[in-house]
């Protein structure tokens, strides 16, 4: 049986300035935060405005989380990064 490597995803989102409050609350209180693989939703400062930290058993589920985030009114851009534990990959 093949060893399963845990994969963590960071999905960053930019928020339209005129819809900040609406978008932030929709992410924090809505469907995205309640998805089964979502570990946290955070307000961040920098190039992006929100980060959603999530694990998923496959790329398909990770993409579904990013799509749900992207479909929230006021979200104008997303970027997802794939993170893998160094020890699990190379250990």
C-alpha atoms as a PDB file:
ATOM      1  CA  UNK A   1       0.000   0.000   0.000  1.00  0.00           C
ATOM      2  CA  UNK A   2       1.338   3.436  -0.946  1.00  0.00           C
ATOM      3  CA  UNK A   3       2.125   5.875   1.827  1.00  0.00           C
ATOM      4  CA  UNK A   4      -0.263   8.818   2.030  1.00  0.00           C
ATOM      5  CA  UNK A   5       1.435  12.210   2.164  1.00  0.00           C
ATOM      6  CA  UNK A   6      -0.551  14.934   3.910  1.00  0.00           C
ATOM      7  CA  UNK A   7      -1.041  17.988   1.722  1.00  0.00           C
ATOM      8  CA  UNK A   8      -1.925  21.421   3.079  1.00  0.00           C
ATOM      9  CA  UNK A   9      -3.348  24.173   0.908  1.00  0.00           C
ATOM     10  CA  UNK A  10      -3.202  27.923   1.469  1.00  0.00           C
ATOM     11  CA  UNK A  11      -5.764  29.796  -0.589  1.00  0.00           C
ATOM     12  CA  UNK A  12      -5.262  33.552  -0.610  1.00  0.00           C
ATOM     13  CA  UNK A  13      -7.952  36.003  -1.688  1.00  0.00           C
ATOM     14  CA  UNK A  14      -8.059  39.658  -2.614  1.00  0.00           C
ATOM     15  CA  UNK A  15     -11.173  41.569  -1.617  1.00  0.00           C
ATOM     16  CA  UNK A  16     -12.818  44.446  -3.467  1.00  0.00           C
ATOM     17  CA  UNK A  17     -12.406  47.534  -1.266  1.00  0.00           C
ATOM     18  CA  UNK A  18     -16.040  48.606  -1.575  1.00  0.00           C
ATOM     19  CA  UNK A  19     -17.242  45.186  -0.333  1.00  0.00           C
ATOM     20  CA  UNK A  20     -14.729  44.409   2.412  1.00  0.00           C
ATOM     21  CA  UNK A  21     -17.084  43.854   5.337  1.00  0.00           C
ATOM     22  CA  UNK A  22     -19.539  41.817   3.268  1.00  0.00           C
ATOM     23  CA  UNK A  23     -16.807  39.599   1.818  1.00  0.00           C
ATOM     24  CA  UNK A  24     -14.946  39.083   5.110  1.00  0.00           C
ATOM     25  CA  UNK A  25     -18.090  38.048   6.948  1.00  0.00           C
ATOM     26  CA  UNK A  26     -19.273  35.822   4.102  1.00  0.00           C
ATOM     27  CA  UNK A  27     -15.992  33.917   4.223  1.00  0.00           C
ATOM     28  CA  UNK A  28     -15.801  33.709   8.025  1.00  0.00           C
ATOM     29  CA  UNK A  29     -19.457  32.830   8.656  1.00  0.00           C
ATOM     30  CA  UNK A  30     -20.507  31.196   5.415  1.00  0.00           C
ATOM     31  CA  UNK A  31     -19.963  27.994   3.491  1.00  0.00           C
ATOM     32  CA  UNK A  32     -16.180  28.277   3.145  1.00  0.00           C
ATOM     33  CA  UNK A  33     -15.426  28.221   6.874  1.00  0.00           C
ATOM     34  CA  UNK A  34     -17.817  25.287   7.326  1.00  0.00           C
ATOM     35  CA  UNK A  35     -16.260  23.054   4.669  1.00  0.00           C
ATOM     36  CA  UNK A  36     -14.989  19.782   6.175  1.00  0.00           C
ATOM     37  CA  UNK A  37     -11.313  20.259   5.318  1.00  0.00           C
ATOM     38  CA  UNK A  38     -11.005  23.933   6.258  1.00  0.00           C
ATOM     39  CA  UNK A  39      -8.758  24.423   9.290  1.00  0.00           C
ATOM     40  CA  UNK A  40      -8.974  28.185   9.512  1.00  0.00           C
ATOM     41  CA  UNK A  41      -9.930  31.439   7.840  1.00  0.00           C
ATOM     42  CA  UNK A  42      -7.812  34.493   8.609  1.00  0.00           C
ATOM     43  CA  UNK A  43      -7.674  38.182   7.812  1.00  0.00           C
ATOM     44  CA  UNK A  44      -4.165  39.036   6.608  1.00  0.00           C
ATOM     45  CA  UNK A  45      -2.361  42.214   5.627  1.00  0.00           C
ATOM     46  CA  UNK A  46      -0.231  42.494   2.529  1.00  0.00           C
ATOM     47  CA  UNK A  47      -0.777  41.559  -1.091  1.00  0.00           C
ATOM     48  CA  UNK A  48      -3.851  39.498  -0.158  1.00  0.00           C
ATOM     49  CA  UNK A  49      -6.643  40.110   2.338  1.00  0.00           C
ATOM     50  CA  UNK A  50      -7.767  36.624   3.415  1.00  0.00           C
ATOM     51  CA  UNK A  51      -6.114  33.230   3.730  1.00  0.00           C
ATOM     52  CA  UNK A  52      -8.007  29.953   4.004  1.00  0.00           C
ATOM     53  CA  UNK A  53      -5.939  27.072   5.375  1.00  0.00           C
ATOM     54  CA  UNK A  54      -7.260  23.691   4.325  1.00  0.00           C
ATOM     55  CA  UNK A  55      -6.273  20.069   3.870  1.00  0.00           C
ATOM     56  CA  UNK A  56      -7.847  17.806   1.319  1.00  0.00           C
ATOM     57  CA  UNK A  57      -7.569  14.148   0.391  1.00  0.00           C
ATOM     58  CA  UNK A  58      -7.245  15.099  -3.268  1.00  0.00           C
ATOM     59  CA  UNK A  59      -6.629  18.051  -5.529  1.00  0.00           C
ATOM     60  CA  UNK A  60     -10.316  17.937  -6.514  1.00  0.00           C
ATOM     61  CA  UNK A  61     -11.490  18.808  -2.985  1.00  0.00           C
ATOM     62  CA  UNK A  62      -8.854  21.533  -2.699  1.00  0.00           C
ATOM     63  CA  UNK A  63     -10.045  23.115  -5.940  1.00  0.00           C
ATOM     64  CA  UNK A  64     -13.656  22.997  -4.719  1.00  0.00           C
ATOM     65  CA  UNK A  65     -12.669  25.030  -1.652  1.00  0.00           C
ATOM     66  CA  UNK A  66     -10.920  27.622  -3.822  1.00  0.00           C
ATOM     67  CA  UNK A  67     -13.920  27.816  -6.183  1.00  0.00           C
ATOM     68  CA  UNK A  68     -16.340  28.372  -3.293  1.00  0.00           C
ATOM     69  CA  UNK A  69     -14.122  31.195  -2.056  1.00  0.00           C
ATOM     70  CA  UNK A  70     -13.823  32.719  -5.522  1.00  0.00           C
ATOM     71  CA  UNK A  71     -17.619  32.737  -5.949  1.00  0.00           C
ATOM     72  CA  UNK A  72     -18.239  34.950  -2.908  1.00  0.00           C
ATOM     73  CA  UNK A  73     -19.305  38.476  -3.896  1.00  0.00           C
ATOM     74  CA  UNK A  74     -16.444  40.879  -3.292  1.00  0.00           C
ATOM     75  CA  UNK A  75     -13.669  38.317  -3.824  1.00  0.00           C
ATOM     76  CA  UNK A  76     -11.790  39.525  -6.874  1.00  0.00           C
ATOM     77  CA  UNK A  77      -8.821  37.130  -7.085  1.00  0.00           C
ATOM     78  CA  UNK A  78      -7.533  33.935  -5.495  1.00  0.00           C
ATOM     79  CA  UNK A  79      -4.237  32.092  -5.429  1.00  0.00           C
ATOM     80  CA  UNK A  80      -3.707  28.620  -3.979  1.00  0.00           C
ATOM     81  CA  UNK A  81      -0.384  27.264  -2.795  1.00  0.00           C
ATOM     82  CA  UNK A  82       0.253  23.585  -2.163  1.00  0.00           C
ATOM     83  CA  UNK A  83       2.337  22.775   0.931  1.00  0.00           C
ATOM     84  CA  UNK A  84       3.853  19.413   1.760  1.00  0.00           C
ATOM     85  CA  UNK A  85       5.668  18.347   4.925  1.00  0.00           C
ATOM     86  CA  UNK A  86       9.400  18.129   4.169  1.00  0.00           C
ATOM     87  CA  UNK A  87       9.917  15.100   6.421  1.00  0.00           C
ATOM     88  CA  UNK A  88       7.039  13.221   4.787  1.00  0.00           C
ATOM     89  CA  UNK A  89       8.433  13.893   1.316  1.00  0.00           C
ATOM     90  CA  UNK A  90      12.166  13.486   1.902  1.00  0.00           C
ATOM     91  CA  UNK A  91      12.420  11.795   5.309  1.00  0.00           C
END
